[in-house]
């Protein structure tokens, strides 16, 4: 059965390239929201209400309004150009589900790491996992209203980013803003391909 988009249409017949993208980051940083915002199909989500048992193991510092959590993955699809479709896999942010991340990264060609500037160090693990897997990635700073603002140079220093790694500010609640992250990632992937020597 062929996939349809949110308007009930099948995937454009011109699409001949697909790209698997993983979206990683700490608990409560906006991964599920990003996938929901950009997906042209009804996204698959494993978000569940948080329980008292979960509160005992998941740190809620600075996340007092958080009532749900991803317990497996989020999945969505975005046709980015006439011939390119992205399949988005959002991973859980809790340490107790970290064993699933390696499985999600299988077959991915790139990724997005989401960052909250109030909890910058919590994104280091996701960045490290991308690097260990050899996956190019873009870093997206989700602009929470209560989080501090920093200039690009400060953020790059705090995140110890390679100069070539894209750094984008966005509000993942809004489709066009969230799409800028994916466009930056795809541009990064294409630039890397153009730099690779021909075989």
C-alpha atoms as a PDB file:
ATOM      1  CA  UNK A   1       0.000   0.000   0.000  1.00  0.00           C
ATOM      2  CA  UNK A   2       1.395   3.385  -0.962  1.00  0.00           C
ATOM      3  CA  UNK A   3       1.807   6.174   1.578  1.00  0.00           C
ATOM      4  CA  UNK A   4      -0.484   9.199   1.357  1.00  0.00           C
ATOM      5  CA  UNK A   5       0.062  12.733   2.551  1.00  0.00           C
ATOM      6  CA  UNK A   6      -2.200  14.682   4.911  1.00  0.00           C
ATOM      7  CA  UNK A   7      -4.539  15.621   2.052  1.00  0.00           C
ATOM      8  CA  UNK A   8      -5.026  11.989   1.066  1.00  0.00           C
ATOM      9  CA  UNK A   9      -2.744  12.155  -1.971  1.00  0.00           C
ATOM     10  CA  UNK A  10      -0.135   9.552  -2.683  1.00  0.00           C
ATOM     11  CA  UNK A  11       3.532  10.431  -2.527  1.00  0.00           C
ATOM     12  CA  UNK A  12       4.454  12.517  -5.574  1.00  0.00           C
ATOM     13  CA  UNK A  13       5.514  10.288  -8.491  1.00  0.00           C
ATOM     14  CA  UNK A  14       8.613  12.474  -8.956  1.00  0.00           C
ATOM     15  CA  UNK A  15      10.034  11.478  -5.570  1.00  0.00           C
ATOM     16  CA  UNK A  16      12.972   9.159  -6.183  1.00  0.00           C
ATOM     17  CA  UNK A  17      15.135   9.863  -3.136  1.00  0.00           C
ATOM     18  CA  UNK A  18      14.368   9.256   0.520  1.00  0.00           C
ATOM     19  CA  UNK A  19      16.399  10.200   3.541  1.00  0.00           C
ATOM     20  CA  UNK A  20      16.047   8.821   7.050  1.00  0.00           C
ATOM     21  CA  UNK A  21      16.641  11.488   9.691  1.00  0.00           C
ATOM     22  CA  UNK A  22      16.838  10.912  13.445  1.00  0.00           C
ATOM     23  CA  UNK A  23      15.798  13.636  15.871  1.00  0.00           C
ATOM     24  CA  UNK A  24      17.549  13.372  19.236  1.00  0.00           C
ATOM     25  CA  UNK A  25      17.908  15.438  22.365  1.00  0.00           C
ATOM     26  CA  UNK A  26      17.144  15.401  26.068  1.00  0.00           C
ATOM     27  CA  UNK A  27      13.819  14.775  27.733  1.00  0.00           C
ATOM     28  CA  UNK A  28      11.291  17.566  27.109  1.00  0.00           C
ATOM     29  CA  UNK A  29      13.289  19.477  24.471  1.00  0.00           C
ATOM     30  CA  UNK A  30      10.623  19.333  21.728  1.00  0.00           C
ATOM     31  CA  UNK A  31      11.372  16.279  19.559  1.00  0.00           C
ATOM     32  CA  UNK A  32       7.766  15.091  19.378  1.00  0.00           C
ATOM     33  CA  UNK A  33       6.591  18.642  18.711  1.00  0.00           C
ATOM     34  CA  UNK A  34       9.039  19.053  15.814  1.00  0.00           C
ATOM     35  CA  UNK A  35       7.935  15.825  14.135  1.00  0.00           C
ATOM     36  CA  UNK A  36       4.268  16.742  14.568  1.00  0.00           C
ATOM     37  CA  UNK A  37       4.800  20.254  13.231  1.00  0.00           C
ATOM     38  CA  UNK A  38       6.443  19.245   9.952  1.00  0.00           C
ATOM     39  CA  UNK A  39       4.878  15.876   9.129  1.00  0.00           C
ATOM     40  CA  UNK A  40       2.609  15.867   6.083  1.00  0.00           C
ATOM     41  CA  UNK A  41       1.042  12.599   7.235  1.00  0.00           C
ATOM     42  CA  UNK A  42      -0.573  11.932  10.566  1.00  0.00           C
ATOM     43  CA  UNK A  43       2.525  11.271  12.680  1.00  0.00           C
ATOM     44  CA  UNK A  44       2.959   8.096  14.641  1.00  0.00           C
ATOM     45  CA  UNK A  45       3.621   8.871  18.273  1.00  0.00           C
ATOM     46  CA  UNK A  46       4.204   6.781  21.375  1.00  0.00           C
ATOM     47  CA  UNK A  47       3.646   9.654  23.759  1.00  0.00           C
ATOM     48  CA  UNK A  48       1.977   8.615  27.000  1.00  0.00           C
ATOM     49  CA  UNK A  49       0.909  10.381  30.175  1.00  0.00           C
ATOM     50  CA  UNK A  50       3.614  10.487  32.792  1.00  0.00           C
ATOM     51  CA  UNK A  51       3.085   8.381  35.880  1.00  0.00           C
ATOM     52  CA  UNK A  52       4.246   8.705  39.464  1.00  0.00           C
ATOM     53  CA  UNK A  53       6.659   5.831  38.802  1.00  0.00           C
ATOM     54  CA  UNK A  54       8.169   7.726  35.864  1.00  0.00           C
ATOM     55  CA  UNK A  55       8.569  10.878  37.932  1.00  0.00           C
ATOM     56  CA  UNK A  56      10.819   8.892  40.258  1.00  0.00           C
ATOM     57  CA  UNK A  57      13.357   8.225  37.470  1.00  0.00           C
ATOM     58  CA  UNK A  58      12.878  11.112  35.000  1.00  0.00           C
ATOM     59  CA  UNK A  59      14.279  14.455  36.092  1.00  0.00           C
ATOM     60  CA  UNK A  60      11.575  17.120  35.791  1.00  0.00           C
ATOM     61  CA  UNK A  61      13.719  20.056  36.903  1.00  0.00           C
ATOM     62  CA  UNK A  62      12.641  23.035  34.786  1.00  0.00           C
ATOM     63  CA  UNK A  63       9.852  20.961  33.194  1.00  0.00           C
ATOM     64  CA  UNK A  64       7.040  21.410  35.686  1.00  0.00           C
ATOM     65  CA  UNK A  65       4.411  21.630  32.922  1.00  0.00           C
ATOM     66  CA  UNK A  66       5.501  18.340  31.315  1.00  0.00           C
ATOM     67  CA  UNK A  67       2.679  15.790  31.527  1.00  0.00           C
ATOM     68  CA  UNK A  68       3.493  13.337  28.699  1.00  0.00           C
ATOM     69  CA  UNK A  69       6.586  11.513  27.493  1.00  0.00           C
ATOM     70  CA  UNK A  70       7.719   9.522  24.456  1.00  0.00           C
ATOM     71  CA  UNK A  71       8.225   5.886  25.394  1.00  0.00           C
ATOM     72  CA  UNK A  72       9.468   4.558  22.045  1.00  0.00           C
ATOM     73  CA  UNK A  73       9.616   6.832  19.003  1.00  0.00           C
ATOM     74  CA  UNK A  74       7.874   9.419  16.857  1.00  0.00           C
ATOM     75  CA  UNK A  75       7.583   8.991  13.101  1.00  0.00           C
ATOM     76  CA  UNK A  76       6.643  11.478  10.407  1.00  0.00           C
ATOM     77  CA  UNK A  77       7.207  12.243   6.741  1.00  0.00           C
ATOM     78  CA  UNK A  78       8.010  15.454   4.867  1.00  0.00           C
ATOM     79  CA  UNK A  79       8.340  15.882   1.105  1.00  0.00           C
ATOM     80  CA  UNK A  80      11.070  18.511   1.042  1.00  0.00           C
ATOM     81  CA  UNK A  81      11.475  18.941  -2.736  1.00  0.00           C
ATOM     82  CA  UNK A  82       9.852  17.470  -5.836  1.00  0.00           C
ATOM     83  CA  UNK A  83      12.212  14.498  -5.723  1.00  0.00           C
ATOM     84  CA  UNK A  84      13.202  14.202  -2.049  1.00  0.00           C
ATOM     85  CA  UNK A  85      11.239  12.906   0.930  1.00  0.00           C
ATOM     86  CA  UNK A  86      12.421  12.837   4.532  1.00  0.00           C
ATOM     87  CA  UNK A  87      11.382  10.140   6.977  1.00  0.00           C
ATOM     88  CA  UNK A  88      11.712  11.473  10.517  1.00  0.00           C
ATOM     89  CA  UNK A  89      12.350   9.290  13.539  1.00  0.00           C
ATOM     90  CA  UNK A  90      12.239  11.044  16.900  1.00  0.00           C
ATOM     91  CA  UNK A  91      13.888   9.179  19.755  1.00  0.00           C
ATOM     92  CA  UNK A  92      13.055   9.218  23.459  1.00  0.00           C
ATOM     93  CA  UNK A  93      15.121  11.541  25.609  1.00  0.00           C
ATOM     94  CA  UNK A  94      15.190   9.636  28.883  1.00  0.00           C
ATOM     95  CA  UNK A  95      18.355   7.768  29.802  1.00  0.00           C
ATOM     96  CA  UNK A  96      16.336   4.637  30.604  1.00  0.00           C
ATOM     97  CA  UNK A  97      15.314   4.382  26.926  1.00  0.00           C
ATOM     98  CA  UNK A  98      18.782   5.070  25.502  1.00  0.00           C
ATOM     99  CA  UNK A  99      19.168   1.466  24.298  1.00  0.00           C
ATOM    100  CA  UNK A 100      16.606   2.267  21.574  1.00  0.00           C
ATOM    101  CA  UNK A 101      18.662   5.074  20.036  1.00  0.00           C
ATOM    102  CA  UNK A 102      21.176   2.755  18.361  1.00  0.00           C
ATOM    103  CA  UNK A 103      18.320   0.914  16.652  1.00  0.00           C
ATOM    104  CA  UNK A 104      16.724   4.159  15.483  1.00  0.00           C
ATOM    105  CA  UNK A 105      20.028   5.318  13.985  1.00  0.00           C
ATOM    106  CA  UNK A 106      20.336   2.237  11.784  1.00  0.00           C
ATOM    107  CA  UNK A 107      20.062   3.367   8.150  1.00  0.00           C
ATOM    108  CA  UNK A 108      19.923   7.080   8.974  1.00  0.00           C
ATOM    109  CA  UNK A 109      21.932   9.447   6.795  1.00  0.00           C
ATOM    110  CA  UNK A 110      21.777  12.398   9.149  1.00  0.00           C
ATOM    111  CA  UNK A 111      20.240  13.792  12.275  1.00  0.00           C
ATOM    112  CA  UNK A 112      19.037  16.755  14.278  1.00  0.00           C
ATOM    113  CA  UNK A 113      20.022  17.439  17.885  1.00  0.00           C
ATOM    114  CA  UNK A 114      17.599  19.698  19.735  1.00  0.00           C
ATOM    115  CA  UNK A 115      18.926  22.003  22.462  1.00  0.00           C
ATOM    116  CA  UNK A 116      17.323  24.022  25.246  1.00  0.00           C
ATOM    117  CA  UNK A 117      19.727  26.786  26.305  1.00  0.00           C
ATOM    118  CA  UNK A 118      18.605  26.387  29.922  1.00  0.00           C
ATOM    119  CA  UNK A 119      19.948  22.797  29.813  1.00  0.00           C
ATOM    120  CA  UNK A 120      22.756  22.877  27.240  1.00  0.00           C
ATOM    121  CA  UNK A 121      24.834  20.101  28.781  1.00  0.00           C
ATOM    122  CA  UNK A 122      21.904  17.687  28.519  1.00  0.00           C
ATOM    123  CA  UNK A 123      22.268  17.696  24.712  1.00  0.00           C
ATOM    124  CA  UNK A 124      25.909  16.583  24.772  1.00  0.00           C
ATOM    125  CA  UNK A 125      24.970  12.909  24.954  1.00  0.00           C
ATOM    126  CA  UNK A 126      22.872  13.120  21.761  1.00  0.00           C
ATOM    127  CA  UNK A 127      25.694  14.928  19.947  1.00  0.00           C
ATOM    128  CA  UNK A 128      28.197  12.331  21.117  1.00  0.00           C
ATOM    129  CA  UNK A 129      25.989   9.500  19.878  1.00  0.00           C
ATOM    130  CA  UNK A 130      25.689  11.133  16.454  1.00  0.00           C
ATOM    131  CA  UNK A 131      29.452  11.526  16.254  1.00  0.00           C
ATOM    132  CA  UNK A 132      30.149   7.972  17.418  1.00  0.00           C
ATOM    133  CA  UNK A 133      27.779   6.697  14.713  1.00  0.00           C
ATOM    134  CA  UNK A 134      29.488   8.883  12.098  1.00  0.00           C
ATOM    135  CA  UNK A 135      26.238  10.712  11.339  1.00  0.00           C
ATOM    136  CA  UNK A 136      26.356  14.309  10.128  1.00  0.00           C
ATOM    137  CA  UNK A 137      23.912  16.431  12.091  1.00  0.00           C
ATOM    138  CA  UNK A 138      22.485  19.900  12.590  1.00  0.00           C
ATOM    139  CA  UNK A 139      21.952  21.482  15.999  1.00  0.00           C
ATOM    140  CA  UNK A 140      18.640  23.256  16.548  1.00  0.00           C
ATOM    141  CA  UNK A 141      18.144  25.582  19.497  1.00  0.00           C
ATOM    142  CA  UNK A 142      14.461  25.423  20.432  1.00  0.00           C
ATOM    143  CA  UNK A 143      13.618  28.916  21.672  1.00  0.00           C
ATOM    144  CA  UNK A 144      11.739  28.365  24.909  1.00  0.00           C
ATOM    145  CA  UNK A 145      10.407  31.647  26.328  1.00  0.00           C
ATOM    146  CA  UNK A 146      11.994  31.139  29.751  1.00  0.00           C
ATOM    147  CA  UNK A 147      15.399  29.993  28.455  1.00  0.00           C
ATOM    148  CA  UNK A 148      18.369  32.373  28.170  1.00  0.00           C
ATOM    149  CA  UNK A 149      19.458  33.752  24.813  1.00  0.00           C
ATOM    150  CA  UNK A 150      23.062  33.529  23.600  1.00  0.00           C
ATOM    151  CA  UNK A 151      24.880  34.623  20.474  1.00  0.00           C
ATOM    152  CA  UNK A 152      25.977  32.061  17.906  1.00  0.00           C
ATOM    153  CA  UNK A 153      29.646  32.235  18.917  1.00  0.00           C
ATOM    154  CA  UNK A 154      28.775  31.599  22.586  1.00  0.00           C
ATOM    155  CA  UNK A 155      26.542  28.666  21.674  1.00  0.00           C
ATOM    156  CA  UNK A 156      29.168  27.113  19.441  1.00  0.00           C
ATOM    157  CA  UNK A 157      31.719  27.349  22.245  1.00  0.00           C
ATOM    158  CA  UNK A 158      29.322  25.914  24.827  1.00  0.00           C
ATOM    159  CA  UNK A 159      28.413  23.029  22.521  1.00  0.00           C
ATOM    160  CA  UNK A 160      31.972  22.586  21.243  1.00  0.00           C
ATOM    161  CA  UNK A 161      30.607  22.509  17.690  1.00  0.00           C
ATOM    162  CA  UNK A 162      32.682  21.832  14.617  1.00  0.00           C
ATOM    163  CA  UNK A 163      32.639  25.002  12.470  1.00  0.00           C
ATOM    164  CA  UNK A 164      30.887  23.112   9.659  1.00  0.00           C
ATOM    165  CA  UNK A 165      28.009  21.847  11.838  1.00  0.00           C
ATOM    166  CA  UNK A 166      24.847  23.871  11.160  1.00  0.00           C
ATOM    167  CA  UNK A 167      23.411  25.753  14.145  1.00  0.00           C
ATOM    168  CA  UNK A 168      19.834  26.985  13.753  1.00  0.00           C
ATOM    169  CA  UNK A 169      17.424  28.742  16.106  1.00  0.00           C
ATOM    170  CA  UNK A 170      13.798  27.699  15.760  1.00  0.00           C
ATOM    171  CA  UNK A 171      10.450  27.358  17.461  1.00  0.00           C
ATOM    172  CA  UNK A 172       9.469  23.754  16.793  1.00  0.00           C
ATOM    173  CA  UNK A 173       5.783  24.477  17.419  1.00  0.00           C
ATOM    174  CA  UNK A 174       5.583  26.180  14.033  1.00  0.00           C
ATOM    175  CA  UNK A 175       5.908  24.275  10.774  1.00  0.00           C
ATOM    176  CA  UNK A 176       7.925  26.833   8.795  1.00  0.00           C
ATOM    177  CA  UNK A 177      10.336  27.408  11.658  1.00  0.00           C
ATOM    178  CA  UNK A 178      10.824  23.676  12.232  1.00  0.00           C
ATOM    179  CA  UNK A 179      11.362  23.110   8.496  1.00  0.00           C
ATOM    180  CA  UNK A 180      14.365  25.469   8.525  1.00  0.00           C
ATOM    181  CA  UNK A 181      16.169  22.918  10.686  1.00  0.00           C
ATOM    182  CA  UNK A 182      15.615  20.122   8.172  1.00  0.00           C
ATOM    183  CA  UNK A 183      16.595  22.339   5.254  1.00  0.00           C
ATOM    184  CA  UNK A 184      19.840  23.228   7.067  1.00  0.00           C
ATOM    185  CA  UNK A 185      20.535  19.535   7.651  1.00  0.00           C
ATOM    186  CA  UNK A 186      19.899  18.519   4.035  1.00  0.00           C
ATOM    187  CA  UNK A 187      22.064  21.405   2.780  1.00  0.00           C
ATOM    188  CA  UNK A 188      24.811  20.210   5.126  1.00  0.00           C
ATOM    189  CA  UNK A 189      24.528  16.639   3.829  1.00  0.00           C
ATOM    190  CA  UNK A 190      24.660  17.800   0.208  1.00  0.00           C
ATOM    191  CA  UNK A 191      27.698  19.986   0.868  1.00  0.00           C
ATOM    192  CA  UNK A 192      29.496  17.040   2.447  1.00  0.00           C
ATOM    193  CA  UNK A 193      28.693  14.865  -0.560  1.00  0.00           C
ATOM    194  CA  UNK A 194      30.059  17.485  -2.940  1.00  0.00           C
ATOM    195  CA  UNK A 195      33.340  17.554  -0.987  1.00  0.00           C
ATOM    196  CA  UNK A 196      33.839  13.789  -1.131  1.00  0.00           C
ATOM    197  CA  UNK A 197      36.295  12.649  -3.808  1.00  0.00           C
ATOM    198  CA  UNK A 198      34.787  10.830  -6.775  1.00  0.00           C
ATOM    199  CA  UNK A 199      35.380   7.079  -6.661  1.00  0.00           C
END
